[in-house]
N, C-alpha and C. Protein backbone atom coordinates (compact mmCIF):
# COMPACT_ATOMS: atom_id res chain seq x y z
N GLY A 1 25.03 -60.66 -36.32
CA GLY A 1 24.87 -60.73 -34.89
C GLY A 1 23.41 -60.93 -34.49
N GLY A 2 22.48 -60.25 -35.20
CA GLY A 2 21.07 -60.41 -34.89
C GLY A 2 20.58 -61.81 -35.17
N LYS A 3 21.00 -62.37 -36.31
CA LYS A 3 20.61 -63.74 -36.64
C LYS A 3 21.23 -64.73 -35.67
N LEU A 4 22.45 -64.49 -35.29
CA LEU A 4 23.13 -65.40 -34.37
C LEU A 4 22.48 -65.38 -32.98
N SER A 5 21.96 -64.23 -32.57
CA SER A 5 21.35 -64.14 -31.24
C SER A 5 20.09 -64.99 -31.13
N ASP A 6 19.46 -65.32 -32.26
CA ASP A 6 18.26 -66.15 -32.22
C ASP A 6 18.58 -67.60 -31.84
N TYR A 7 19.82 -68.01 -31.98
CA TYR A 7 20.20 -69.38 -31.67
C TYR A 7 20.72 -69.54 -30.25
N PHE A 8 20.82 -68.45 -29.51
CA PHE A 8 21.28 -68.52 -28.12
C PHE A 8 20.08 -68.63 -27.19
N PRO A 9 20.22 -69.33 -26.08
CA PRO A 9 19.10 -69.40 -25.12
C PRO A 9 18.67 -68.03 -24.65
N HIS A 10 19.64 -67.11 -24.49
CA HIS A 10 19.34 -65.75 -24.07
C HIS A 10 20.20 -64.80 -24.89
N ARG A 11 19.61 -63.71 -25.33
CA ARG A 11 20.37 -62.75 -26.14
C ARG A 11 21.49 -62.11 -25.34
N ILE A 12 21.32 -62.01 -24.03
CA ILE A 12 22.36 -61.40 -23.21
C ILE A 12 23.63 -62.24 -23.21
N ASP A 13 23.52 -63.54 -23.49
CA ASP A 13 24.72 -64.39 -23.55
C ASP A 13 25.62 -63.95 -24.70
N LEU A 14 25.02 -63.59 -25.84
CA LEU A 14 25.82 -63.12 -26.98
C LEU A 14 26.46 -61.77 -26.66
N ILE A 15 25.75 -60.93 -25.91
CA ILE A 15 26.33 -59.64 -25.52
C ILE A 15 27.50 -59.86 -24.58
N ARG A 16 27.39 -60.85 -23.71
CA ARG A 16 28.50 -61.16 -22.79
C ARG A 16 29.73 -61.65 -23.56
N ILE A 17 29.52 -62.26 -24.71
CA ILE A 17 30.65 -62.70 -25.53
C ILE A 17 31.25 -61.53 -26.30
N GLY A 18 30.40 -60.64 -26.81
CA GLY A 18 30.87 -59.53 -27.63
C GLY A 18 31.59 -58.44 -26.85
N LEU A 19 31.17 -58.18 -25.62
CA LEU A 19 31.79 -57.09 -24.85
C LEU A 19 33.27 -57.33 -24.54
N PRO A 20 33.68 -58.52 -24.08
CA PRO A 20 35.12 -58.74 -23.92
C PRO A 20 35.88 -58.58 -25.23
N GLY A 21 35.24 -58.97 -26.34
CA GLY A 21 35.88 -58.76 -27.63
C GLY A 21 36.11 -57.29 -27.93
N LEU A 22 35.11 -56.44 -27.60
CA LEU A 22 35.28 -55.00 -27.80
C LEU A 22 36.37 -54.43 -26.91
N ILE A 23 36.44 -54.92 -25.68
CA ILE A 23 37.45 -54.42 -24.75
C ILE A 23 38.86 -54.70 -25.27
N ILE A 24 39.04 -55.84 -25.91
CA ILE A 24 40.37 -56.21 -26.44
C ILE A 24 40.61 -55.61 -27.82
N SER A 25 39.57 -55.60 -28.66
CA SER A 25 39.76 -55.18 -30.05
C SER A 25 39.95 -53.68 -30.20
N ALA A 26 39.47 -52.87 -29.26
CA ALA A 26 39.63 -51.42 -29.39
C ALA A 26 41.11 -51.01 -29.38
N PRO A 27 41.93 -51.43 -28.40
CA PRO A 27 43.35 -51.08 -28.47
C PRO A 27 44.05 -51.69 -29.69
N VAL A 28 43.62 -52.90 -30.08
CA VAL A 28 44.22 -53.51 -31.26
C VAL A 28 43.93 -52.67 -32.50
N MET A 29 42.70 -52.17 -32.62
CA MET A 29 42.33 -51.37 -33.78
C MET A 29 43.15 -50.09 -33.85
N PHE A 30 43.27 -49.37 -32.74
CA PHE A 30 44.04 -48.13 -32.75
C PHE A 30 45.53 -48.41 -32.96
N GLY A 31 45.99 -49.56 -32.46
CA GLY A 31 47.38 -49.90 -32.70
C GLY A 31 47.64 -50.19 -34.17
N LEU A 32 46.70 -50.86 -34.85
CA LEU A 32 46.86 -51.11 -36.28
C LEU A 32 46.74 -49.83 -37.10
N PHE A 33 45.99 -48.87 -36.59
CA PHE A 33 45.90 -47.59 -37.29
C PHE A 33 47.25 -46.89 -37.35
N GLU A 34 48.07 -47.12 -36.32
CA GLU A 34 49.39 -46.49 -36.30
C GLU A 34 50.35 -47.12 -37.30
N SER A 35 49.99 -48.25 -37.87
CA SER A 35 50.84 -48.88 -38.87
C SER A 35 50.84 -48.10 -40.18
N GLU A 36 49.81 -47.27 -40.38
CA GLU A 36 49.70 -46.42 -41.56
C GLU A 36 49.71 -47.24 -42.84
N SER A 37 49.06 -48.39 -42.81
CA SER A 37 48.92 -49.21 -44.02
C SER A 37 47.45 -49.50 -44.24
N LYS A 38 47.08 -49.65 -45.49
CA LYS A 38 45.68 -49.91 -45.81
C LYS A 38 45.23 -51.26 -45.25
N VAL A 39 46.11 -52.22 -45.26
CA VAL A 39 45.76 -53.53 -44.71
C VAL A 39 45.51 -53.42 -43.20
N GLY A 40 46.36 -52.64 -42.51
CA GLY A 40 46.18 -52.44 -41.08
C GLY A 40 44.87 -51.73 -40.77
N TYR A 41 44.53 -50.72 -41.59
CA TYR A 41 43.24 -50.05 -41.40
C TYR A 41 42.07 -51.02 -41.57
N PHE A 42 42.16 -51.85 -42.60
CA PHE A 42 41.06 -52.77 -42.89
C PHE A 42 40.91 -53.83 -41.80
N ILE A 43 42.03 -54.43 -41.42
CA ILE A 43 41.97 -55.50 -40.41
C ILE A 43 41.52 -54.94 -39.06
N GLY A 44 42.02 -53.76 -38.73
CA GLY A 44 41.64 -53.15 -37.45
C GLY A 44 40.15 -52.88 -37.36
N GLN A 45 39.58 -52.31 -38.40
CA GLN A 45 38.15 -52.03 -38.39
C GLN A 45 37.32 -53.31 -38.51
N LEU A 46 37.82 -54.29 -39.26
CA LEU A 46 37.07 -55.53 -39.45
C LEU A 46 36.91 -56.29 -38.13
N GLN A 47 37.99 -56.46 -37.39
CA GLN A 47 37.89 -57.21 -36.14
C GLN A 47 37.07 -56.45 -35.10
N PHE A 48 37.13 -55.12 -35.12
CA PHE A 48 36.31 -54.35 -34.19
C PHE A 48 34.83 -54.42 -34.57
N ALA A 49 34.55 -54.36 -35.88
CA ALA A 49 33.16 -54.42 -36.35
C ALA A 49 32.53 -55.78 -36.05
N MET A 50 33.30 -56.84 -36.13
CA MET A 50 32.77 -58.18 -35.83
C MET A 50 32.36 -58.28 -34.37
N CYS A 51 33.19 -57.77 -33.47
CA CYS A 51 32.84 -57.79 -32.05
C CYS A 51 31.66 -56.87 -31.77
N LEU A 52 31.62 -55.73 -32.46
CA LEU A 52 30.51 -54.79 -32.26
C LEU A 52 29.19 -55.37 -32.73
N SER A 53 29.23 -56.17 -33.80
CA SER A 53 27.99 -56.77 -34.31
C SER A 53 27.41 -57.78 -33.32
N LEU A 54 28.28 -58.45 -32.55
CA LEU A 54 27.78 -59.39 -31.55
C LEU A 54 27.01 -58.68 -30.45
N VAL A 55 27.43 -57.45 -30.14
CA VAL A 55 26.76 -56.68 -29.09
C VAL A 55 25.50 -56.02 -29.61
N ASN A 56 25.59 -55.36 -30.76
CA ASN A 56 24.47 -54.56 -31.26
C ASN A 56 23.48 -55.36 -32.10
N GLY A 57 23.84 -56.57 -32.52
CA GLY A 57 22.97 -57.35 -33.40
C GLY A 57 21.61 -57.63 -32.78
N GLY A 58 21.60 -58.13 -31.55
CA GLY A 58 20.34 -58.44 -30.89
C GLY A 58 19.96 -57.44 -29.81
N MET A 59 20.60 -56.26 -29.83
CA MET A 59 20.36 -55.28 -28.77
C MET A 59 18.93 -54.77 -28.78
N ALA A 60 18.40 -54.47 -29.97
CA ALA A 60 17.05 -53.91 -30.04
C ALA A 60 16.02 -54.89 -29.47
N ALA A 61 16.12 -56.16 -29.88
CA ALA A 61 15.19 -57.17 -29.35
C ALA A 61 15.40 -57.38 -27.85
N PHE A 62 16.64 -57.34 -27.42
CA PHE A 62 16.94 -57.55 -26.00
C PHE A 62 16.36 -56.42 -25.15
N GLU A 63 16.45 -55.18 -25.62
CA GLU A 63 15.91 -54.06 -24.86
C GLU A 63 14.39 -54.18 -24.71
N VAL A 64 13.72 -54.64 -25.76
CA VAL A 64 12.26 -54.82 -25.66
C VAL A 64 11.92 -55.95 -24.71
N GLU A 65 12.70 -57.04 -24.75
CA GLU A 65 12.42 -58.19 -23.88
C GLU A 65 12.59 -57.85 -22.41
N LEU A 66 13.39 -56.85 -22.10
CA LEU A 66 13.57 -56.46 -20.70
C LEU A 66 12.28 -55.93 -20.09
N TRP A 67 11.36 -55.47 -20.95
CA TRP A 67 10.12 -54.87 -20.47
C TRP A 67 8.93 -55.77 -20.70
N MET A 68 9.15 -57.06 -20.92
CA MET A 68 8.04 -57.96 -21.19
C MET A 68 7.15 -58.17 -19.96
N ALA A 69 7.69 -57.91 -18.76
CA ALA A 69 6.88 -58.05 -17.56
C ALA A 69 5.74 -57.03 -17.55
N ASP A 70 5.96 -55.87 -18.19
CA ASP A 70 4.92 -54.85 -18.30
C ASP A 70 5.04 -54.23 -19.69
N PRO A 71 4.45 -54.85 -20.71
CA PRO A 71 4.60 -54.35 -22.08
C PRO A 71 4.09 -52.94 -22.29
N THR A 72 3.21 -52.45 -21.41
CA THR A 72 2.69 -51.09 -21.58
C THR A 72 3.78 -50.04 -21.41
N LEU A 73 4.89 -50.42 -20.75
CA LEU A 73 5.99 -49.48 -20.53
C LEU A 73 7.16 -49.71 -21.47
N SER A 74 7.02 -50.65 -22.40
CA SER A 74 8.16 -51.02 -23.24
C SER A 74 8.62 -49.85 -24.12
N PHE A 75 7.69 -49.14 -24.75
CA PHE A 75 8.08 -48.03 -25.62
C PHE A 75 8.80 -46.95 -24.82
N THR A 76 8.24 -46.57 -23.67
CA THR A 76 8.86 -45.53 -22.86
C THR A 76 10.20 -45.98 -22.29
N GLY A 77 10.24 -47.21 -21.77
CA GLY A 77 11.47 -47.70 -21.17
C GLY A 77 12.61 -47.81 -22.16
N VAL A 78 12.32 -48.38 -23.33
CA VAL A 78 13.36 -48.53 -24.34
C VAL A 78 13.80 -47.17 -24.87
N ALA A 79 12.84 -46.29 -25.14
CA ALA A 79 13.19 -44.98 -25.71
C ALA A 79 14.03 -44.15 -24.75
N VAL A 80 13.60 -44.09 -23.49
CA VAL A 80 14.32 -43.25 -22.52
C VAL A 80 15.70 -43.84 -22.22
N GLY A 81 15.74 -45.14 -21.93
CA GLY A 81 17.02 -45.75 -21.57
C GLY A 81 18.02 -45.72 -22.72
N HIS A 82 17.56 -46.09 -23.91
CA HIS A 82 18.47 -46.16 -25.06
C HIS A 82 18.98 -44.77 -25.44
N ASN A 83 18.10 -43.78 -25.48
CA ASN A 83 18.50 -42.45 -25.94
C ASN A 83 19.35 -41.71 -24.93
N ILE A 84 19.10 -41.92 -23.64
CA ILE A 84 19.96 -41.29 -22.65
C ILE A 84 21.38 -41.85 -22.73
N ALA A 85 21.47 -43.18 -22.84
CA ALA A 85 22.81 -43.80 -22.96
C ALA A 85 23.51 -43.36 -24.24
N SER A 86 22.76 -43.30 -25.34
CA SER A 86 23.37 -42.87 -26.61
C SER A 86 23.84 -41.42 -26.54
N THR A 87 23.06 -40.58 -25.86
CA THR A 87 23.44 -39.17 -25.77
C THR A 87 24.68 -38.98 -24.90
N LEU A 88 24.71 -39.66 -23.77
CA LEU A 88 25.82 -39.45 -22.83
C LEU A 88 27.13 -40.05 -23.34
N PHE A 89 27.07 -41.22 -23.96
CA PHE A 89 28.30 -41.92 -24.33
C PHE A 89 28.59 -41.84 -25.83
N SER A 90 27.63 -42.22 -26.65
CA SER A 90 27.88 -42.20 -28.10
C SER A 90 27.99 -40.77 -28.61
N GLY A 91 27.12 -39.87 -28.12
CA GLY A 91 27.14 -38.50 -28.61
C GLY A 91 28.42 -37.75 -28.26
N THR A 92 28.97 -38.03 -27.12
CA THR A 92 30.20 -37.34 -26.70
C THR A 92 31.47 -38.07 -27.10
N MET A 93 31.34 -39.26 -27.69
CA MET A 93 32.52 -40.06 -28.01
C MET A 93 33.46 -39.36 -29.00
N PRO A 94 32.99 -38.78 -30.10
CA PRO A 94 33.94 -38.11 -31.02
C PRO A 94 34.71 -36.98 -30.35
N LEU A 95 34.03 -36.19 -29.54
CA LEU A 95 34.71 -35.08 -28.86
C LEU A 95 35.76 -35.58 -27.89
N ILE A 96 35.39 -36.59 -27.08
CA ILE A 96 36.33 -37.11 -26.08
C ILE A 96 37.50 -37.82 -26.76
N ALA A 97 37.21 -38.60 -27.79
CA ALA A 97 38.30 -39.32 -28.48
C ALA A 97 39.27 -38.35 -29.13
N THR A 98 38.74 -37.29 -29.76
CA THR A 98 39.63 -36.30 -30.38
C THR A 98 40.47 -35.58 -29.34
N GLY A 99 39.82 -35.21 -28.22
CA GLY A 99 40.57 -34.54 -27.16
C GLY A 99 41.66 -35.43 -26.57
N LEU A 100 41.34 -36.71 -26.36
CA LEU A 100 42.35 -37.63 -25.83
C LEU A 100 43.50 -37.85 -26.80
N PHE A 101 43.18 -37.90 -28.08
CA PHE A 101 44.23 -38.12 -29.08
C PHE A 101 45.22 -36.96 -29.11
N TYR A 102 44.69 -35.73 -29.13
CA TYR A 102 45.59 -34.57 -29.18
C TYR A 102 46.31 -34.38 -27.86
N LYS A 103 45.65 -34.72 -26.76
CA LYS A 103 46.32 -34.60 -25.47
C LYS A 103 47.45 -35.62 -25.34
N SER A 104 47.24 -36.81 -25.90
CA SER A 104 48.28 -37.84 -25.82
C SER A 104 49.49 -37.49 -26.65
N SER A 105 49.31 -36.63 -27.66
CA SER A 105 50.46 -36.26 -28.51
C SER A 105 51.53 -35.52 -27.72
N GLU A 106 51.13 -34.90 -26.61
CA GLU A 106 52.11 -34.19 -25.80
C GLU A 106 53.07 -35.15 -25.09
N TYR A 107 52.67 -36.41 -24.93
CA TYR A 107 53.49 -37.38 -24.21
C TYR A 107 54.26 -38.31 -25.14
N VAL A 108 54.14 -38.11 -26.43
CA VAL A 108 54.84 -38.95 -27.39
C VAL A 108 56.27 -38.41 -27.56
N GLN A 109 57.23 -39.24 -27.27
CA GLN A 109 58.62 -38.84 -27.36
C GLN A 109 59.20 -39.12 -28.74
N ASN A 110 58.77 -40.24 -29.34
CA ASN A 110 59.28 -40.60 -30.66
C ASN A 110 58.21 -41.42 -31.38
N ASP A 111 58.50 -41.84 -32.58
CA ASP A 111 57.52 -42.59 -33.38
C ASP A 111 57.24 -43.99 -32.83
N TYR A 112 58.05 -44.46 -31.91
CA TYR A 112 57.86 -45.80 -31.38
C TYR A 112 57.00 -45.82 -30.10
N ASP A 113 56.66 -44.65 -29.61
CA ASP A 113 55.78 -44.59 -28.43
C ASP A 113 54.35 -44.84 -28.87
N LEU A 114 53.86 -46.03 -28.57
CA LEU A 114 52.53 -46.43 -29.03
C LEU A 114 51.46 -46.21 -27.97
N TRP A 115 51.79 -46.46 -26.71
CA TRP A 115 50.77 -46.42 -25.66
C TRP A 115 50.08 -45.06 -25.51
N PRO A 116 50.80 -43.93 -25.60
CA PRO A 116 50.07 -42.65 -25.49
C PRO A 116 49.02 -42.46 -26.57
N ARG A 117 49.25 -43.04 -27.74
CA ARG A 117 48.29 -42.89 -28.83
C ARG A 117 47.07 -43.82 -28.67
N LEU A 118 47.12 -44.70 -27.71
CA LEU A 118 46.02 -45.63 -27.50
C LEU A 118 45.03 -45.14 -26.45
N THR A 119 45.17 -43.90 -25.98
CA THR A 119 44.26 -43.41 -24.93
C THR A 119 42.79 -43.42 -25.37
N PRO A 120 42.44 -43.06 -26.63
CA PRO A 120 41.02 -43.21 -27.01
C PRO A 120 40.53 -44.65 -26.94
N ALA A 121 41.42 -45.59 -27.30
CA ALA A 121 41.05 -47.00 -27.23
C ALA A 121 40.89 -47.45 -25.79
N ILE A 122 41.73 -46.94 -24.91
CA ILE A 122 41.60 -47.29 -23.49
C ILE A 122 40.28 -46.77 -22.94
N TYR A 123 39.86 -45.59 -23.40
CA TYR A 123 38.56 -45.06 -22.99
C TYR A 123 37.43 -45.96 -23.46
N LEU A 124 37.53 -46.43 -24.70
CA LEU A 124 36.53 -47.38 -25.21
C LEU A 124 36.51 -48.67 -24.39
N SER A 125 37.68 -49.15 -24.04
CA SER A 125 37.75 -50.38 -23.25
C SER A 125 37.16 -50.18 -21.86
N LEU A 126 37.36 -49.01 -21.29
CA LEU A 126 36.76 -48.74 -19.98
C LEU A 126 35.24 -48.71 -20.07
N LEU A 127 34.70 -48.15 -21.15
CA LEU A 127 33.25 -48.17 -21.34
C LEU A 127 32.75 -49.60 -21.50
N GLY A 128 33.54 -50.42 -22.20
CA GLY A 128 33.17 -51.83 -22.35
C GLY A 128 33.16 -52.55 -21.01
N CYS A 129 34.14 -52.26 -20.16
CA CYS A 129 34.17 -52.86 -18.83
C CYS A 129 32.97 -52.41 -18.00
N LEU A 130 32.60 -51.13 -18.14
CA LEU A 130 31.43 -50.62 -17.42
C LEU A 130 30.16 -51.32 -17.89
N SER A 131 30.05 -51.53 -19.19
CA SER A 131 28.88 -52.24 -19.72
C SER A 131 28.84 -53.69 -19.25
N LEU A 132 29.98 -54.34 -19.26
CA LEU A 132 30.04 -55.73 -18.81
C LEU A 132 29.67 -55.85 -17.34
N TYR A 133 30.08 -54.88 -16.55
CA TYR A 133 29.72 -54.88 -15.13
C TYR A 133 28.23 -54.60 -14.95
N SER A 134 27.68 -53.72 -15.76
CA SER A 134 26.27 -53.34 -15.61
C SER A 134 25.33 -54.48 -15.95
N ILE A 135 25.64 -55.23 -17.01
CA ILE A 135 24.72 -56.30 -17.41
C ILE A 135 24.78 -57.47 -16.45
N SER A 136 25.75 -57.48 -15.54
CA SER A 136 25.78 -58.56 -14.55
C SER A 136 24.63 -58.44 -13.56
N PHE A 137 23.98 -57.26 -13.51
CA PHE A 137 22.85 -57.06 -12.61
C PHE A 137 21.52 -57.36 -13.29
N ILE A 138 21.55 -57.68 -14.56
CA ILE A 138 20.31 -57.95 -15.28
C ILE A 138 19.94 -59.41 -15.07
N ILE A 139 18.71 -59.64 -14.60
CA ILE A 139 18.22 -61.00 -14.42
C ILE A 139 17.47 -61.42 -15.66
N ARG A 140 17.19 -62.70 -15.77
CA ARG A 140 16.45 -63.21 -16.91
C ARG A 140 15.07 -62.57 -16.96
N HIS A 141 14.59 -62.33 -18.15
CA HIS A 141 13.27 -61.71 -18.27
C HIS A 141 12.19 -62.70 -17.88
N PRO A 142 11.06 -62.22 -17.30
CA PRO A 142 10.09 -63.12 -16.68
C PRO A 142 9.45 -64.11 -17.64
N HIS A 143 9.30 -63.77 -18.93
CA HIS A 143 8.61 -64.69 -19.83
C HIS A 143 9.50 -65.81 -20.31
N ASP A 144 10.76 -65.78 -19.98
CA ASP A 144 11.70 -66.80 -20.42
C ASP A 144 11.72 -67.92 -19.40
N VAL A 145 11.15 -69.07 -19.73
CA VAL A 145 11.07 -70.19 -18.80
C VAL A 145 12.03 -71.31 -19.17
N ARG A 146 12.86 -71.10 -20.19
CA ARG A 146 13.77 -72.16 -20.60
C ARG A 146 14.86 -72.38 -19.56
N SER A 147 15.46 -71.33 -19.10
CA SER A 147 16.48 -71.45 -18.05
C SER A 147 16.47 -70.20 -17.19
N GLY A 148 15.28 -69.77 -16.82
CA GLY A 148 15.12 -68.54 -16.04
C GLY A 148 15.72 -68.68 -14.65
N GLU A 149 16.02 -67.54 -14.06
CA GLU A 149 16.59 -67.54 -12.73
C GLU A 149 15.56 -68.06 -11.72
N LYS A 150 16.05 -68.55 -10.60
CA LYS A 150 15.17 -69.08 -9.57
C LYS A 150 14.26 -67.99 -9.01
N LEU A 151 14.78 -66.77 -8.88
CA LEU A 151 13.97 -65.67 -8.38
C LEU A 151 12.78 -65.40 -9.30
N ILE A 152 13.01 -65.44 -10.59
CA ILE A 152 11.93 -65.19 -11.54
C ILE A 152 10.91 -66.31 -11.48
N ARG A 153 11.39 -67.53 -11.39
CA ARG A 153 10.47 -68.67 -11.30
C ARG A 153 9.60 -68.57 -10.05
N ASN A 154 10.20 -68.20 -8.93
CA ASN A 154 9.43 -68.05 -7.70
C ASN A 154 8.41 -66.93 -7.82
N THR A 155 8.80 -65.85 -8.48
CA THR A 155 7.87 -64.73 -8.66
C THR A 155 6.70 -65.14 -9.54
N MET A 156 6.99 -65.87 -10.61
CA MET A 156 5.91 -66.34 -11.48
C MET A 156 4.98 -67.29 -10.75
N GLU A 157 5.55 -68.16 -9.91
CA GLU A 157 4.72 -69.10 -9.16
C GLU A 157 3.85 -68.37 -8.14
N GLU A 158 4.39 -67.34 -7.50
CA GLU A 158 3.61 -66.57 -6.54
C GLU A 158 2.49 -65.81 -7.24
N ASP A 159 2.77 -65.27 -8.43
CA ASP A 159 1.71 -64.59 -9.19
C ASP A 159 0.60 -65.56 -9.58
N ARG A 160 0.99 -66.77 -9.95
CA ARG A 160 -0.01 -67.77 -10.32
C ARG A 160 -0.90 -68.13 -9.12
N ARG A 161 -0.28 -68.27 -7.94
CA ARG A 161 -1.06 -68.59 -6.74
C ARG A 161 -2.02 -67.45 -6.38
N LYS A 162 -1.56 -66.20 -6.55
CA LYS A 162 -2.44 -65.07 -6.28
C LYS A 162 -3.63 -65.05 -7.22
N LYS A 163 -3.38 -65.33 -8.50
CA LYS A 163 -4.48 -65.38 -9.46
C LYS A 163 -5.47 -66.50 -9.12
N ASP A 164 -4.94 -67.64 -8.69
CA ASP A 164 -5.83 -68.75 -8.30
C ASP A 164 -6.68 -68.37 -7.09
N ARG A 165 -6.08 -67.69 -6.10
CA ARG A 165 -6.85 -67.29 -4.93
C ARG A 165 -7.94 -66.28 -5.30
N ARG A 166 -7.60 -65.33 -6.18
CA ARG A 166 -8.60 -64.36 -6.61
C ARG A 166 -9.73 -65.04 -7.38
N ARG A 167 -9.38 -66.01 -8.22
CA ARG A 167 -10.40 -66.72 -8.97
C ARG A 167 -11.30 -67.53 -8.06
N ARG A 168 -10.75 -68.17 -7.03
CA ARG A 168 -11.57 -68.93 -6.08
C ARG A 168 -12.51 -68.01 -5.30
N ARG A 169 -12.01 -66.84 -4.90
CA ARG A 169 -12.87 -65.91 -4.18
C ARG A 169 -14.01 -65.41 -5.06
N ARG A 170 -13.71 -65.15 -6.33
CA ARG A 170 -14.78 -64.73 -7.24
C ARG A 170 -15.83 -65.82 -7.42
N ASN A 171 -15.36 -67.06 -7.56
CA ASN A 171 -16.31 -68.17 -7.72
C ASN A 171 -17.16 -68.37 -6.47
N GLN A 172 -16.56 -68.25 -5.30
CA GLN A 172 -17.32 -68.40 -4.07
C GLN A 172 -18.35 -67.28 -3.91
N LYS A 173 -17.92 -66.07 -4.27
CA LYS A 173 -18.86 -64.96 -4.18
C LYS A 173 -20.02 -65.13 -5.16
N LYS A 174 -19.71 -65.58 -6.36
CA LYS A 174 -20.74 -65.80 -7.37
C LYS A 174 -21.70 -66.91 -6.93
N LYS A 175 -21.14 -67.95 -6.29
CA LYS A 175 -21.98 -69.05 -5.83
C LYS A 175 -22.95 -68.60 -4.74
N ARG A 176 -22.45 -67.74 -3.82
CA ARG A 176 -23.34 -67.23 -2.78
C ARG A 176 -24.44 -66.35 -3.35
N LEU A 177 -24.09 -65.54 -4.35
CA LEU A 177 -25.11 -64.69 -4.96
C LEU A 177 -26.13 -65.51 -5.73
N ASP A 178 -25.66 -66.53 -6.45
CA ASP A 178 -26.57 -67.36 -7.23
C ASP A 178 -27.51 -68.16 -6.33
N CYS A 179 -27.09 -68.41 -5.10
CA CYS A 179 -27.91 -69.20 -4.20
C CYS A 179 -29.16 -68.43 -3.78
N TYR A 180 -29.04 -67.11 -3.70
CA TYR A 180 -30.18 -66.29 -3.26
C TYR A 180 -30.82 -65.52 -4.40
N TRP A 181 -30.15 -65.48 -5.55
CA TRP A 181 -30.65 -64.70 -6.68
C TRP A 181 -31.07 -65.66 -7.79
N PRO A 182 -32.27 -65.54 -8.33
CA PRO A 182 -32.71 -66.47 -9.38
C PRO A 182 -31.87 -66.33 -10.64
N ASN A 183 -31.79 -67.46 -11.35
CA ASN A 183 -31.06 -67.43 -12.60
C ASN A 183 -31.92 -66.85 -13.71
N LYS A 184 -31.44 -66.91 -14.94
CA LYS A 184 -32.13 -66.28 -16.07
C LYS A 184 -33.50 -66.91 -16.33
N SER A 185 -33.69 -68.17 -16.01
CA SER A 185 -34.97 -68.82 -16.26
C SER A 185 -36.01 -68.49 -15.19
N GLY A 186 -35.60 -67.78 -14.14
CA GLY A 186 -36.53 -67.37 -13.10
C GLY A 186 -36.63 -68.34 -11.96
N PHE A 187 -35.83 -69.40 -11.97
CA PHE A 187 -35.86 -70.40 -10.91
C PHE A 187 -34.53 -70.42 -10.20
N GLY A 188 -34.50 -70.84 -8.95
CA GLY A 188 -33.28 -70.89 -8.18
C GLY A 188 -32.28 -71.86 -8.78
N VAL A 189 -31.01 -71.65 -8.47
CA VAL A 189 -29.96 -72.51 -9.01
C VAL A 189 -30.14 -73.94 -8.56
N ASP A 190 -30.62 -74.13 -7.33
CA ASP A 190 -30.76 -75.47 -6.79
C ASP A 190 -32.04 -76.15 -7.26
N SER A 191 -32.86 -75.49 -8.08
CA SER A 191 -34.11 -76.09 -8.53
C SER A 191 -33.83 -77.16 -9.56
N PRO A 192 -34.42 -78.34 -9.43
CA PRO A 192 -34.15 -79.43 -10.36
C PRO A 192 -34.57 -79.08 -11.79
N SER A 193 -35.79 -78.58 -11.95
CA SER A 193 -36.31 -78.25 -13.28
C SER A 193 -37.53 -77.37 -13.10
N PRO A 194 -37.93 -76.63 -14.13
CA PRO A 194 -39.13 -75.77 -13.99
C PRO A 194 -40.38 -76.57 -13.66
N GLY A 195 -40.52 -77.78 -14.19
CA GLY A 195 -41.74 -78.55 -13.95
C GLY A 195 -41.85 -79.08 -12.54
N SER A 196 -40.71 -79.33 -11.90
CA SER A 196 -40.75 -79.92 -10.56
C SER A 196 -40.50 -78.89 -9.47
N TYR A 197 -40.47 -77.61 -9.86
CA TYR A 197 -40.17 -76.58 -8.86
C TYR A 197 -41.34 -76.40 -7.92
N ARG A 198 -41.06 -76.39 -6.64
CA ARG A 198 -42.06 -76.14 -5.62
C ARG A 198 -41.54 -75.04 -4.71
N PRO A 199 -42.25 -73.94 -4.59
CA PRO A 199 -41.77 -72.87 -3.71
C PRO A 199 -41.68 -73.35 -2.28
N PRO A 200 -40.72 -72.91 -1.51
CA PRO A 200 -40.59 -73.34 -0.11
C PRO A 200 -41.73 -72.78 0.71
N PRO A 201 -42.11 -73.49 1.75
CA PRO A 201 -43.19 -72.99 2.64
C PRO A 201 -42.76 -71.71 3.32
N THR A 202 -43.76 -70.97 3.76
CA THR A 202 -43.49 -69.69 4.41
C THR A 202 -42.67 -69.91 5.67
N GLY A 203 -41.62 -69.09 5.79
CA GLY A 203 -40.77 -69.20 6.98
C GLY A 203 -39.64 -70.19 6.81
N ALA A 204 -39.60 -70.90 5.67
CA ALA A 204 -38.51 -71.87 5.46
C ALA A 204 -37.21 -71.15 5.16
N VAL A 205 -36.12 -71.77 5.50
CA VAL A 205 -34.79 -71.20 5.28
C VAL A 205 -34.10 -72.00 4.19
N ILE A 206 -33.57 -71.28 3.19
CA ILE A 206 -32.85 -71.94 2.10
C ILE A 206 -31.39 -72.00 2.47
N GLU A 207 -30.84 -73.18 2.50
CA GLU A 207 -29.44 -73.36 2.84
C GLU A 207 -28.62 -73.41 1.56
N CYS A 208 -27.56 -72.64 1.53
CA CYS A 208 -26.66 -72.62 0.37
C CYS A 208 -25.41 -73.40 0.69
N LYS A 209 -25.03 -74.25 -0.21
CA LYS A 209 -23.82 -75.05 -0.02
C LYS A 209 -22.64 -74.35 -0.67
């Protein structure tokens, strides 16, 4: 999944492909577990792991890229966001899945009742739907100019114009200072050369362009 994400224009595109796969493969995996066969166990975990690799393969790089607008916050942003999500959802997943499984056993009437046993998988699918909904609010990261959103492009253009204005003001200020302050050689900026320098007469006004 990580290698495959390098070939996509945006890593989030691969996550958008993997999440629907997780939403579908979770009930399929738990359903195959009920077959009580080694082949069913293997196929169920294999198809779920393939979809999971599409999501988690480029996740680490994607989380860092989200903070490229301000790299000084990347370590804090990734650490806090990733660990809070892992604690709330991944950390409690075994407890919730076990509780749902034993609770669903009360509603099983016979060996053919499959849906009550899929409640842990339904919980996983709901988390997948929540993730898919959440990433719909993520815009392209600012350093990505290949197919960035229009909002990001406008923001980058506005930042460039602000930098140009600041640079012009600095140059104008420096020019005004140089006009009245001698340069390193001891002669005014407008002086042609040291040999031809003539001090202005008393009372003369030096005009700065």
